[in-house]
């Protein structure tokens, strides 16, 4: 198992542009090109977090030509919600 990391900031997207679906798709495409250079043809995708980039990443993997075996959602869920704050009286 090889762990490779890539992000939209590494690709050159800065500030709020990092959170767009276009940045996610471009990051996934360049990431897949690096994976193909290493010699892999099939991958298992693990996605964390919610946001507009989720579908862009999956689309980028499909456009690059890699064989995606499985897509796993690994988003952390808080089972302990925050407590309500006391209201300030004036």
C-alpha atoms as a PDB file:
ATOM      1  CA  UNK A   1       0.000   0.000   0.000  1.00  0.00           C
ATOM      2  CA  UNK A   2       1.371   3.374  -1.053  1.00  0.00           C
ATOM      3  CA  UNK A   3       0.003   6.581   0.431  1.00  0.00           C
ATOM      4  CA  UNK A   4       0.160   9.606  -1.852  1.00  0.00           C
ATOM      5  CA  UNK A   5      -1.132  13.050  -0.948  1.00  0.00           C
ATOM      6  CA  UNK A   6      -2.124  15.931  -3.201  1.00  0.00           C
ATOM      7  CA  UNK A   7      -4.127  19.107  -2.601  1.00  0.00           C
ATOM      8  CA  UNK A   8      -5.521  22.076  -4.490  1.00  0.00           C
ATOM      9  CA  UNK A   9      -2.973  24.345  -2.775  1.00  0.00           C
ATOM     10  CA  UNK A  10      -0.138  22.285  -4.250  1.00  0.00           C
ATOM     11  CA  UNK A  11      -1.742  22.711  -7.679  1.00  0.00           C
ATOM     12  CA  UNK A  12      -1.596  26.504  -7.404  1.00  0.00           C
ATOM     13  CA  UNK A  13      -5.118  27.353  -6.296  1.00  0.00           C
ATOM     14  CA  UNK A  14      -5.107  29.890  -3.474  1.00  0.00           C
ATOM     15  CA  UNK A  15      -7.583  31.086  -0.847  1.00  0.00           C
ATOM     16  CA  UNK A  16     -11.281  30.531  -1.716  1.00  0.00           C
ATOM     17  CA  UNK A  17     -10.524  29.038  -5.128  1.00  0.00           C
ATOM     18  CA  UNK A  18      -9.177  25.921  -3.367  1.00  0.00           C
ATOM     19  CA  UNK A  19     -12.699  24.950  -2.320  1.00  0.00           C
ATOM     20  CA  UNK A  20     -14.260  24.872  -5.784  1.00  0.00           C
ATOM     21  CA  UNK A  21     -15.188  21.791  -7.776  1.00  0.00           C
ATOM     22  CA  UNK A  22     -12.901  22.873 -10.639  1.00  0.00           C
ATOM     23  CA  UNK A  23      -9.889  22.891  -8.316  1.00  0.00           C
ATOM     24  CA  UNK A  24     -10.838  19.443  -7.008  1.00  0.00           C
ATOM     25  CA  UNK A  25     -11.210  18.032 -10.510  1.00  0.00           C
ATOM     26  CA  UNK A  26      -7.865  19.434 -11.657  1.00  0.00           C
ATOM     27  CA  UNK A  27      -6.160  18.119  -8.531  1.00  0.00           C
ATOM     28  CA  UNK A  28      -7.626  14.647  -9.095  1.00  0.00           C
ATOM     29  CA  UNK A  29      -6.484  14.573 -12.722  1.00  0.00           C
ATOM     30  CA  UNK A  30      -2.866  15.478 -11.902  1.00  0.00           C
ATOM     31  CA  UNK A  31      -2.930  13.065  -8.961  1.00  0.00           C
ATOM     32  CA  UNK A  32      -4.078  10.261 -11.253  1.00  0.00           C
ATOM     33  CA  UNK A  33      -1.335  11.070 -13.721  1.00  0.00           C
ATOM     34  CA  UNK A  34       1.208  10.611 -10.914  1.00  0.00           C
ATOM     35  CA  UNK A  35      -0.409   7.291  -9.990  1.00  0.00           C
ATOM     36  CA  UNK A  36      -0.314   6.078 -13.609  1.00  0.00           C
ATOM     37  CA  UNK A  37       3.398   6.992 -13.801  1.00  0.00           C
ATOM     38  CA  UNK A  38       3.998   4.725 -10.784  1.00  0.00           C
ATOM     39  CA  UNK A  39       2.399   1.850 -12.711  1.00  0.00           C
ATOM     40  CA  UNK A  40      -0.990   1.460 -11.047  1.00  0.00           C
ATOM     41  CA  UNK A  41      -4.130   0.870 -13.086  1.00  0.00           C
ATOM     42  CA  UNK A  42      -6.812   0.194 -10.447  1.00  0.00           C
ATOM     43  CA  UNK A  43      -7.443   2.212  -7.289  1.00  0.00           C
ATOM     44  CA  UNK A  44      -9.765   2.424  -4.292  1.00  0.00           C
ATOM     45  CA  UNK A  45     -10.862   6.002  -3.555  1.00  0.00           C
ATOM     46  CA  UNK A  46     -11.416   7.227   0.021  1.00  0.00           C
ATOM     47  CA  UNK A  47     -13.082  10.643   0.301  1.00  0.00           C
ATOM     48  CA  UNK A  48     -13.183  12.701   3.497  1.00  0.00           C
ATOM     49  CA  UNK A  49     -15.238  15.795   4.239  1.00  0.00           C
ATOM     50  CA  UNK A  50     -18.238  17.470   2.721  1.00  0.00           C
ATOM     51  CA  UNK A  51     -18.159  20.216   0.152  1.00  0.00           C
ATOM     52  CA  UNK A  52     -18.403  21.051  -3.523  1.00  0.00           C
ATOM     53  CA  UNK A  53     -15.237  19.134  -4.405  1.00  0.00           C
ATOM     54  CA  UNK A  54     -16.546  15.648  -3.698  1.00  0.00           C
ATOM     55  CA  UNK A  55     -18.130  15.056  -7.094  1.00  0.00           C
ATOM     56  CA  UNK A  56     -15.322  16.910  -8.853  1.00  0.00           C
ATOM     57  CA  UNK A  57     -12.774  14.462  -7.480  1.00  0.00           C
ATOM     58  CA  UNK A  58     -14.737  11.446  -8.639  1.00  0.00           C
ATOM     59  CA  UNK A  59     -15.193  13.022 -12.076  1.00  0.00           C
ATOM     60  CA  UNK A  60     -11.453  13.720 -12.274  1.00  0.00           C
ATOM     61  CA  UNK A  61     -10.654  10.099 -11.501  1.00  0.00           C
ATOM     62  CA  UNK A  62     -13.011   8.951 -14.253  1.00  0.00           C
ATOM     63  CA  UNK A  63     -11.550  11.396 -16.804  1.00  0.00           C
ATOM     64  CA  UNK A  64      -7.976  10.307 -16.129  1.00  0.00           C
ATOM     65  CA  UNK A  65      -8.586   6.720 -17.202  1.00  0.00           C
ATOM     66  CA  UNK A  66      -7.941   4.909 -13.925  1.00  0.00           C
ATOM     67  CA  UNK A  67     -10.091   1.915 -13.017  1.00  0.00           C
ATOM     68  CA  UNK A  68     -11.915   2.868  -9.787  1.00  0.00           C
ATOM     69  CA  UNK A  69     -12.793  -0.294  -7.845  1.00  0.00           C
ATOM     70  CA  UNK A  70     -14.571   1.316  -4.878  1.00  0.00           C
ATOM     71  CA  UNK A  71     -15.450   4.730  -3.492  1.00  0.00           C
ATOM     72  CA  UNK A  72     -15.568   4.991   0.308  1.00  0.00           C
ATOM     73  CA  UNK A  73     -16.915   7.932   2.292  1.00  0.00           C
ATOM     74  CA  UNK A  74     -14.673   8.398   5.327  1.00  0.00           C
ATOM     75  CA  UNK A  75     -16.163  11.615   6.705  1.00  0.00           C
ATOM     76  CA  UNK A  76     -15.917  11.920  10.465  1.00  0.00           C
ATOM     77  CA  UNK A  77     -19.248  12.299  12.255  1.00  0.00           C
ATOM     78  CA  UNK A  78     -19.592  14.011  15.616  1.00  0.00           C
ATOM     79  CA  UNK A  79     -21.873  12.003  17.873  1.00  0.00           C
ATOM     80  CA  UNK A  80     -21.503  14.593  20.605  1.00  0.00           C
ATOM     81  CA  UNK A  81     -23.143  17.831  19.371  1.00  0.00           C
ATOM     82  CA  UNK A  82     -22.085  21.183  20.843  1.00  0.00           C
ATOM     83  CA  UNK A  83     -24.053  22.438  23.823  1.00  0.00           C
ATOM     84  CA  UNK A  84     -26.183  25.552  23.459  1.00  0.00           C
ATOM     85  CA  UNK A  85     -24.668  28.712  24.919  1.00  0.00           C
ATOM     86  CA  UNK A  86     -26.297  30.695  27.692  1.00  0.00           C
ATOM     87  CA  UNK A  87     -27.867  33.923  26.527  1.00  0.00           C
ATOM     88  CA  UNK A  88     -26.434  37.122  27.875  1.00  0.00           C
ATOM     89  CA  UNK A  89     -28.813  39.303  29.824  1.00  0.00           C
ATOM     90  CA  UNK A  90     -28.437  43.022  29.540  1.00  0.00           C
END
